[in-house]
Protein backbone atom coordinates (compact mmCIF):
# COMPACT_ATOMS: atom_id res chain seq x y z
CA MET A 1 0.00 0.00 0.00
CA SER A 2 1.41 3.41 -0.96
CA ASP A 3 1.78 6.11 1.69
CA ASN A 4 -1.00 8.13 0.04
CA LYS A 5 -3.45 5.21 0.08
CA LEU A 6 -2.36 4.23 3.59
CA TYR A 7 -3.15 7.66 4.96
CA ASP A 8 -6.39 7.82 3.03
CA VAL A 9 -7.39 4.80 5.15
CA ILE A 10 -5.89 6.02 8.42
CA GLY A 11 -7.48 9.41 7.85
CA LEU A 12 -10.94 7.96 8.51
CA ASP A 13 -10.48 7.93 12.30
CA TYR A 14 -7.09 9.61 12.66
CA ASN A 15 -8.21 12.53 14.78
CA SER A 16 -9.78 10.32 17.44
CA THR A 17 -6.32 9.33 18.72
CA ARG A 18 -3.89 11.74 17.03
CA GLN A 19 -4.28 15.15 18.62
CA ALA A 20 -1.80 18.00 18.90
CA ASP A 21 0.07 17.55 22.16
CA PRO A 22 0.39 20.90 23.99
CA HIS A 23 4.02 20.34 25.02
CA LEU A 24 5.03 19.39 21.48
CA VAL A 25 3.23 22.45 20.15
CA GLU A 26 5.20 24.65 22.55
CA ARG A 27 8.53 23.06 21.62
CA LEU A 28 7.80 23.42 17.90
CA TYR A 29 6.83 27.05 18.44
CA HIS A 30 9.97 27.76 20.48
CA LEU A 31 12.33 26.09 18.02
CA LEU A 32 10.64 27.64 14.98
CA SER A 33 10.67 31.08 16.65
CA PRO A 34 8.16 32.55 14.16
CA LYS A 35 8.13 36.22 13.30
CA THR A 36 5.01 38.34 13.06
CA GLY A 37 3.70 38.62 9.52
CA GLY A 38 5.62 35.67 8.13
CA SER A 39 4.11 32.70 6.33
CA TYR A 40 5.15 29.23 7.49
CA LEU A 41 5.07 25.75 5.99
CA ASP A 42 3.96 22.42 7.48
CA ILE A 43 5.28 19.56 5.34
CA GLY A 44 3.22 16.38 5.56
CA CYS A 45 0.62 18.12 7.68
CA GLY A 46 -1.86 15.22 7.77
CA THR A 47 -5.20 16.36 9.11
CA GLY A 48 -3.59 19.56 10.36
CA ASN A 49 -3.37 18.96 14.09
CA TYR A 50 -0.10 20.81 14.63
CA THR A 51 -0.69 23.20 11.73
CA ILE A 52 -3.92 24.41 13.30
CA ALA A 53 -2.52 24.52 16.84
CA LEU A 54 0.35 26.72 15.71
CA ALA A 55 -1.90 28.83 13.47
CA GLU A 56 -4.04 29.53 16.54
CA LYS A 57 -1.00 31.28 18.00
CA GLY A 58 -1.35 33.87 15.27
CA ILE A 59 0.97 32.35 12.66
CA HIS A 60 -0.03 32.11 9.01
CA PHE A 61 0.51 28.53 7.87
CA CYS A 62 0.40 26.56 4.65
CA GLY A 63 -0.13 22.84 5.15
CA VAL A 64 1.13 20.50 2.41
CA GLU A 65 -0.09 16.89 2.35
CA PRO A 66 -0.26 14.16 -0.33
CA SER A 67 -3.38 12.43 1.03
CA GLU A 68 -6.54 14.06 -0.30
CA ARG A 69 -8.64 12.42 2.41
CA MET A 70 -6.49 13.92 5.14
CA LEU A 71 -6.52 17.29 3.42
CA GLY A 72 -10.30 17.12 3.27
CA LEU A 73 -10.44 16.63 7.02
CA ALA A 74 -7.94 19.45 7.54
CA ARG A 75 -9.97 21.85 5.37
CA SER A 76 -13.12 21.02 7.31
CA ARG A 77 -11.38 21.95 10.56
CA SER A 78 -9.86 25.30 9.63
CA SER A 79 -10.28 27.88 6.90
CA TYR A 80 -7.42 30.01 8.24
CA VAL A 81 -4.73 27.67 6.94
CA ASP A 82 -3.80 27.43 3.26
CA TRP A 83 -4.14 23.69 2.56
CA GLN A 84 -2.31 22.34 -0.50
CA ASN A 85 -1.92 18.92 -2.06
CA GLY A 86 1.76 18.15 -2.47
CA THR A 87 4.81 16.31 -1.21
CA ALA A 88 8.14 17.27 0.29
CA GLU A 89 9.65 16.71 -3.16
CA ASN A 90 7.01 18.81 -4.95
CA ILE A 91 5.74 21.78 -2.95
CA PRO A 92 3.19 23.98 -4.75
CA ALA A 93 4.81 27.31 -3.89
CA ASP A 94 7.09 29.91 -5.42
CA ASP A 95 10.74 30.32 -4.53
CA ASP A 96 11.43 32.06 -1.19
CA SER A 97 7.78 31.84 -0.10
CA PHE A 98 8.07 30.87 3.56
CA ALA A 99 9.79 32.33 6.61
CA GLY A 100 10.17 28.87 8.14
CA GLY A 101 8.72 25.39 8.28
CA ILE A 102 8.05 22.26 10.32
CA ALA A 103 7.91 18.55 9.52
CA THR A 104 6.51 16.38 12.30
CA LEU A 105 6.72 12.57 12.11
CA THR A 106 6.76 12.64 8.32
CA ILE A 107 10.36 12.52 7.11
CA HIS A 108 10.27 8.71 6.84
CA HIS A 109 7.56 9.08 4.19
CA TRP A 110 9.70 11.30 1.96
CA ALA A 111 10.53 9.37 -1.18
CA ASP A 112 13.87 11.10 -1.82
CA LEU A 113 15.69 12.95 0.99
CA HIS A 114 18.02 14.87 -1.33
CA LYS A 115 15.22 15.99 -3.61
CA ALA A 116 13.00 16.87 -0.63
CA PHE A 117 15.58 19.04 1.12
CA THR A 118 16.43 20.75 -2.17
CA GLU A 119 12.75 21.53 -2.73
CA ILE A 120 12.23 22.75 0.83
CA TYR A 121 15.32 24.93 0.51
CA ARG A 122 13.84 26.43 -2.67
CA VAL A 123 10.58 27.55 -1.03
CA LEU A 124 12.12 28.90 2.20
CA LYS A 125 13.41 32.43 2.57
CA GLN A 126 17.04 33.16 3.42
CA ASN A 127 17.87 32.37 7.08
CA ALA A 128 14.53 30.57 7.50
CA ARG A 129 14.33 27.86 10.15
CA LEU A 130 13.14 24.31 9.53
CA VAL A 131 12.19 22.14 12.52
CA ILE A 132 11.94 18.38 12.05
CA PHE A 133 10.46 16.06 14.67
CA THR A 134 11.22 12.42 14.02
CA ALA A 135 12.68 9.21 15.45
CA MET A 136 16.15 7.90 14.68
CA PRO A 137 16.75 4.19 14.05
CA GLU A 138 18.99 3.92 17.13
CA GLN A 139 16.23 5.45 19.24
CA MET A 140 13.63 3.01 17.92
CA ARG A 141 15.87 0.04 18.73
CA GLY A 142 15.43 1.16 22.35
CA TYR A 143 11.62 0.84 22.27
CA TRP A 144 10.30 -2.02 24.40
CA LEU A 145 7.83 -2.62 21.57
CA ASN A 146 10.66 -4.60 19.95
CA HIS A 147 10.11 -7.31 22.58
CA TYR A 148 6.48 -7.86 21.59
CA PHE A 149 6.35 -6.87 17.91
CA PRO A 150 9.87 -7.60 16.56
CA LYS A 151 8.99 -7.87 12.87
CA MET A 152 6.83 -4.75 12.91
CA LEU A 153 9.54 -2.73 14.64
CA ALA A 154 12.25 -4.07 12.35
CA ASP A 155 10.22 -3.00 9.31
CA SER A 156 9.52 0.40 10.91
CA ILE A 157 13.19 0.97 11.72
CA ILE A 158 14.28 0.13 8.17
CA GLN A 159 12.19 2.97 6.74
CA MET A 160 13.58 5.58 9.15
CA PRO A 161 16.47 7.66 7.78
CA SER A 162 19.51 7.89 10.06
CA PHE A 163 20.72 11.20 11.42
CA GLU A 164 23.76 11.02 9.15
CA SER A 165 21.61 10.53 6.04
CA VAL A 166 19.39 13.44 7.07
CA LYS A 167 22.42 15.63 7.75
CA THR A 168 24.09 14.68 4.46
CA ALA A 169 20.98 15.48 2.39
CA ALA A 170 20.19 18.68 4.28
CA VAL A 171 23.72 20.06 4.10
CA ALA A 172 23.98 19.16 0.40
CA ALA A 173 20.84 21.22 -0.21
CA GLY A 174 22.35 24.22 1.60
CA PHE A 175 21.00 23.87 5.14
CA LEU A 176 22.96 24.24 8.34
CA ILE A 177 21.97 21.97 11.23
CA SER A 178 21.81 24.43 14.10
CA GLY A 179 20.85 22.04 16.88
CA THR A 180 19.19 18.85 18.08
CA GLU A 181 17.02 18.14 21.10
CA LYS A 182 16.12 14.72 22.50
CA TYR A 183 12.49 14.08 23.36
CA PHE A 184 11.43 11.57 26.01
CA ILE A 185 7.80 10.38 26.10
CA PRO A 186 5.91 11.87 29.09
CA ASP A 187 3.12 10.05 30.89
CA ASP A 188 0.46 12.48 29.68
CA LEU A 189 1.28 12.59 25.94
CA GLN A 190 -1.93 13.41 24.05
CA ASP A 191 -0.77 12.49 20.55
CA HIS A 192 -0.85 8.69 20.34
CA PHE A 193 1.90 8.02 17.83
CA LEU A 194 4.04 4.85 17.83
CA TYR A 195 5.79 5.01 21.22
CA ALA A 196 3.11 7.02 23.01
CA GLY A 197 2.48 4.00 25.22
CA LYS A 198 6.06 3.85 26.50
CA ASN A 199 4.85 4.42 30.05
CA ARG A 200 1.22 3.39 29.40
CA PRO A 201 1.32 -0.02 27.70
CA GLU A 202 -2.44 -0.37 28.04
CA LEU A 203 -2.81 2.12 25.17
CA TYR A 204 -1.89 -0.60 22.67
CA PHE A 205 -4.90 -2.71 23.63
CA ASP A 206 -7.11 0.03 22.14
CA GLU A 207 -7.77 -0.85 18.51
CA SER A 208 -8.43 2.77 17.62
CA VAL A 209 -4.99 3.77 18.94
CA ARG A 210 -3.33 1.08 16.85
CA ALA A 211 -5.38 2.12 13.80
CA GLY A 212 -3.92 5.65 14.02
CA ILE A 213 -0.31 4.39 14.02
CA SER A 214 1.12 3.61 10.60
CA SER A 215 3.39 0.84 11.91
CA PHE A 216 0.38 -1.09 13.19
CA SER A 217 -1.76 -0.15 10.20
CA ALA A 218 0.69 -0.96 7.42
CA LEU A 219 3.78 -2.77 8.72
CA SER A 220 2.30 -5.35 11.07
CA ASN A 221 0.61 -8.69 10.58
CA ALA A 222 -2.44 -9.80 12.52
CA VAL A 223 -0.78 -12.88 14.03
CA GLU A 224 2.20 -10.96 15.43
CA VAL A 225 -0.03 -8.22 16.82
CA ALA A 226 -2.41 -10.69 18.48
CA THR A 227 0.47 -12.74 19.90
CA GLY A 228 2.34 -9.66 21.09
CA LEU A 229 -0.72 -8.17 22.77
CA GLU A 230 -1.45 -11.46 24.53
CA GLN A 231 2.13 -11.64 25.79
CA LEU A 232 2.03 -7.99 26.87
CA GLN A 233 -1.22 -8.57 28.74
CA GLY A 234 0.29 -11.54 30.58
CA ASP A 235 3.45 -9.66 31.47
CA ILE A 236 1.42 -6.79 32.91
CA GLU A 237 -0.86 -9.11 34.90
CA PHE A 238 2.04 -11.13 36.35
CA ASN A 239 4.25 -8.10 37.05
CA ARG A 240 6.88 -8.95 34.46
CA PHE A 241 6.44 -5.90 32.29
CA ASP A 242 8.45 -3.39 34.36
CA ALA A 243 11.56 -5.59 34.21
CA ILE A 244 11.20 -6.00 30.44
CA LYS A 245 10.72 -2.26 29.97
CA ALA A 246 13.75 -1.52 32.18
CA GLY A 247 15.87 -3.67 29.88
CA TYR A 248 15.26 -1.13 27.11
CA ASP A 249 16.04 1.99 29.16
CA ASN A 250 18.64 4.23 27.52
CA ASP A 251 19.64 7.87 27.16
CA HIS A 252 19.22 8.13 23.38
CA GLY A 253 15.82 9.82 23.69
CA ASP A 254 12.61 8.46 22.18
CA TYR A 255 12.34 11.03 19.38
CA LEU A 256 14.44 13.94 18.17
CA PHE A 257 13.96 17.57 17.21
CA ILE A 258 16.36 18.65 14.46
CA SER A 259 16.69 22.39 13.87
CA LEU A 260 18.01 23.58 10.50
CA GLN A 261 18.58 26.96 8.92
CA LYS A 262 18.72 27.99 5.28
CA CYS A 263 22.15 29.49 4.73
């Protein structure tokens, strides 16, 4: 299933479990550091959760998304954002259009990193900031989900670009990486993406939560999921889960903010 078709399916109930998390919104806002009067870009905006949350802070945003179903939901939620069908490699905008941009949990869907960063560089103004929120392969290898869903996690990790590949493509396009910031999952995370249940394993028993996570929706098989959930349930009931989770503890962070600047 292509990414577009996948998210056309996920888009049906996406907003029931995937909501803009207030802390993530604040970190994105801080790292983007938007200026009054500027226009900003959200690449792979989905149904517009973070686009709308940031626009409500008084920022003009353009959301670009390849899935028409998700764009339809986004348009129904806000008329203040300029919603456009497009991809990171083909952004429907003129050169030097945006004062900055964000890309949250989407870089692994970009078909060509070099082409994407070159295109993003084209549409950003000089000195514009780009904030990427993603997971690195080494971070994902530290998810306890590997214990219960090894094939699904292996397939998810394969599609994630490494930091070095991101850096190489970004720098080649003309960007400077100005900083990184590790993100550790809090107990009250409101956006139920892949590792949202790090400290709340019971989240994964909710079918609607799994349906809103692309790894479960597209990269898993029913037998592994059923077997993994049964094992997880038993480990929780017989007090084995905490020891298993502790075996995956590390200081790599669960996700990563990457801040870039157009030189």
